[in-house]
Amino acid sequence: MLSLLLAPLLAVSLRASPLVSRQDTRQYTIHNQCPSAVNLYIAGNFEGSIPSRGDTTKFMSLGAGFFYTDANGGNPSGIGTSRAGFADDFYYMVVDPDHINVGLQITPRDRPSRMGFCQTIDCGEAGCPLAFPQPPTRFPAPASTAPPPPYYRCPFANTTYDITKFP
């Protein structure tokens, strides 16, 4: 009888524990390889400055929105700016076809790249063929085969993403 009363309390305390992995948040580590500090924006919000050769780690939702900087002619609104995007287990880039303010790389950390899943995306030029020219409005249904670029997918729980900005 006592175990029936304690079970709900134990379940609540375990869910609140930092030792239990949460499936609705993800770790994002943003690296700045640019020769000067860059401002970091996430989903339109200024999140601080990252020093040259520095990094910062954020724990955010699976659909955290766009990660970008206003450095080198980028825009605080994100328009016309190189952006890294995330939606559930999809990840992608948006790069203006005529201008790139910083190069970007997205890497699923410690995940093997197999059968097209969990690939690193690397764009350092305007009109990069691995990126969308504007944000996508929908995503393909998850499947046992990897989506075609510029969609990318890493269907593993608790995947950490490294986002690197470079000149």
Protein backbone atom coordinates (compact mmCIF):
# COMPACT_ATOMS: atom_id res chain seq x y z
CA MET A 1 0.00 0.00 0.00
CA LEU A 2 2.80 2.40 0.88
CA SER A 3 4.48 1.67 -2.47
CA LEU A 4 1.27 2.70 -4.28
CA LEU A 5 1.34 6.05 -2.50
CA LEU A 6 5.05 6.68 -3.07
CA ALA A 7 5.14 5.67 -6.77
CA PRO A 8 3.53 8.91 -8.08
CA LEU A 9 5.80 11.03 -5.87
CA LEU A 10 8.90 9.18 -7.06
CA ALA A 11 7.85 9.57 -10.70
CA VAL A 12 7.35 13.34 -10.27
CA SER A 13 10.69 13.79 -8.50
CA LEU A 14 12.54 11.78 -11.16
CA ARG A 15 11.02 13.84 -13.97
CA ALA A 16 12.19 17.01 -12.25
CA SER A 17 15.68 15.64 -11.62
CA PRO A 18 18.53 17.03 -13.75
CA LEU A 19 19.90 13.47 -13.91
CA VAL A 20 17.01 12.30 -16.07
CA SER A 21 17.44 13.07 -19.76
CA ARG A 22 14.68 15.23 -21.25
CA GLN A 23 13.62 14.52 -24.80
CA ASP A 24 12.15 17.97 -25.45
CA THR A 25 15.41 19.93 -25.08
CA ARG A 26 18.71 19.72 -26.86
CA GLN A 27 22.25 21.01 -26.39
CA TYR A 28 23.58 23.45 -28.97
CA THR A 29 27.23 24.56 -28.82
CA ILE A 30 28.03 27.63 -30.89
CA HIS A 31 31.68 28.13 -31.86
CA ASN A 32 33.11 31.40 -33.18
CA GLN A 33 36.10 30.89 -35.49
CA CYS A 34 35.90 34.48 -36.78
CA PRO A 35 38.82 36.87 -36.04
CA SER A 36 36.60 39.08 -33.88
CA ALA A 37 33.70 38.68 -31.45
CA VAL A 38 30.26 38.04 -32.95
CA ASN A 39 26.80 38.74 -31.58
CA LEU A 40 24.60 35.66 -31.24
CA TYR A 41 20.90 35.77 -32.03
CA ILE A 42 18.57 32.83 -31.48
CA ALA A 43 15.01 33.01 -32.79
CA GLY A 44 15.29 36.80 -33.10
CA ASN A 45 16.57 37.33 -29.55
CA PHE A 46 20.01 38.73 -28.76
CA GLU A 47 21.77 36.09 -26.62
CA GLY A 48 25.12 37.82 -26.07
CA SER A 49 28.50 38.04 -27.74
CA ILE A 50 30.90 35.17 -28.41
CA PRO A 51 34.60 36.13 -28.35
CA SER A 52 36.93 35.23 -31.21
CA ARG A 53 37.86 31.54 -30.93
CA GLY A 54 35.29 31.21 -28.14
CA ASP A 55 32.10 29.25 -27.75
CA THR A 56 28.87 29.12 -25.78
CA THR A 57 26.45 26.32 -24.99
CA LYS A 58 22.67 26.63 -24.95
CA PHE A 59 20.02 24.13 -23.87
CA MET A 60 16.89 24.84 -25.89
CA SER A 61 13.87 23.21 -27.44
CA LEU A 62 14.09 20.84 -30.40
CA GLY A 63 12.69 23.63 -32.55
CA ALA A 64 14.85 26.41 -31.14
CA GLY A 65 14.56 28.56 -34.25
CA PHE A 66 17.40 30.18 -36.16
CA PHE A 67 20.93 30.72 -34.82
CA TYR A 68 22.73 33.60 -36.55
CA THR A 69 24.90 36.70 -36.18
CA ASP A 70 24.74 40.27 -37.43
CA ALA A 71 28.52 40.29 -38.10
CA ASN A 72 29.87 41.25 -41.55
CA GLY A 73 26.67 42.88 -42.78
CA GLY A 74 24.25 40.40 -41.21
CA ASN A 75 20.91 41.62 -39.96
CA PRO A 76 19.62 41.41 -36.35
CA SER A 77 16.23 40.39 -37.82
CA GLY A 78 17.89 37.44 -39.58
CA ILE A 79 16.78 38.48 -43.07
CA GLY A 80 19.60 38.18 -45.63
CA THR A 81 21.79 36.54 -42.98
CA SER A 82 23.36 33.06 -42.87
CA ARG A 83 21.22 31.02 -40.44
CA ALA A 84 21.30 27.56 -38.88
CA GLY A 85 17.82 26.14 -38.30
CA PHE A 86 16.38 23.22 -36.33
CA ALA A 87 12.96 21.57 -36.31
CA ASP A 88 12.55 18.33 -34.33
CA ASP A 89 15.29 16.06 -35.70
CA PHE A 90 15.73 18.07 -38.92
CA TYR A 91 18.52 20.64 -39.26
CA TYR A 92 19.29 22.95 -42.16
CA MET A 93 20.84 26.24 -43.27
CA VAL A 94 19.42 29.30 -44.94
CA VAL A 95 21.94 31.31 -46.98
CA ASP A 96 21.08 34.31 -49.13
CA PRO A 97 21.78 33.48 -52.80
CA ASP A 98 23.62 36.79 -53.31
CA HIS A 99 25.37 37.44 -49.98
CA ILE A 100 26.92 35.53 -47.11
CA ASN A 101 27.86 37.32 -43.91
CA VAL A 102 29.62 34.34 -42.24
CA GLY A 103 30.32 30.77 -43.18
CA LEU A 104 28.41 28.17 -41.19
CA GLN A 105 28.87 24.55 -40.31
CA ILE A 106 26.37 22.31 -38.48
CA THR A 107 27.65 19.02 -37.08
CA PRO A 108 25.68 16.45 -35.09
CA ARG A 109 28.18 15.63 -32.33
CA ASP A 110 29.27 12.01 -31.78
CA ARG A 111 26.81 10.64 -34.32
CA PRO A 112 28.09 8.51 -37.18
CA SER A 113 27.12 9.73 -40.62
CA ARG A 114 25.41 6.69 -42.15
CA MET A 115 23.09 6.29 -45.10
CA GLY A 116 22.78 10.07 -45.45
CA PHE A 117 21.75 10.71 -41.84
CA CYS A 118 23.65 12.96 -39.39
CA GLN A 119 25.83 14.61 -42.04
CA THR A 120 27.85 17.75 -41.45
CA ILE A 121 26.65 20.74 -43.48
CA ASP A 122 29.29 23.29 -44.44
CA CYS A 123 28.48 26.51 -46.33
CA GLY A 124 31.00 29.27 -46.89
CA GLU A 125 29.69 30.85 -50.08
CA ALA A 126 26.63 32.74 -51.28
CA GLY A 127 24.20 30.49 -53.08
CA CYS A 128 25.53 27.40 -51.27
CA PRO A 129 23.80 24.34 -52.82
CA LEU A 130 23.61 22.65 -49.39
CA ALA A 131 21.40 25.45 -48.00
CA PHE A 132 17.96 26.88 -48.64
CA PRO A 133 17.80 30.37 -50.21
CA GLN A 134 14.86 31.13 -47.87
CA PRO A 135 13.37 29.32 -44.86
CA PRO A 136 11.49 26.12 -45.72
CA THR A 137 7.75 26.14 -45.11
CA ARG A 138 7.43 22.38 -44.54
CA PHE A 139 9.51 19.29 -43.96
CA PRO A 140 9.32 15.81 -45.46
CA ALA A 141 7.75 13.08 -43.37
CA PRO A 142 10.34 11.20 -41.29
CA ALA A 143 11.34 8.01 -43.11
CA SER A 144 13.90 5.21 -42.96
CA THR A 145 15.87 6.97 -45.72
CA ALA A 146 17.57 10.32 -45.33
CA PRO A 147 15.84 13.34 -46.87
CA PRO A 148 17.42 14.99 -49.91
CA PRO A 149 19.57 18.09 -49.28
CA PRO A 150 19.07 20.85 -48.32
CA TYR A 151 17.06 18.94 -45.69
CA TYR A 152 19.18 17.06 -43.16
CA ARG A 153 18.07 14.75 -40.39
CA CYS A 154 19.70 13.05 -37.40
CA PRO A 155 17.01 10.79 -35.89
CA PHE A 156 18.73 10.05 -32.58
CA ALA A 157 17.50 11.26 -29.21
CA ASN A 158 19.76 13.57 -27.22
CA THR A 159 21.86 14.70 -30.19
CA THR A 160 24.06 17.71 -29.45
CA TYR A 161 24.70 20.05 -32.38
CA ASP A 162 27.87 22.05 -32.95
CA ILE A 163 27.25 25.27 -34.90
CA THR A 164 30.45 26.88 -36.12
CA LYS A 165 30.70 30.39 -37.56
CA PHE A 166 33.77 31.12 -39.65
CA PRO A 167 35.04 33.98 -41.84
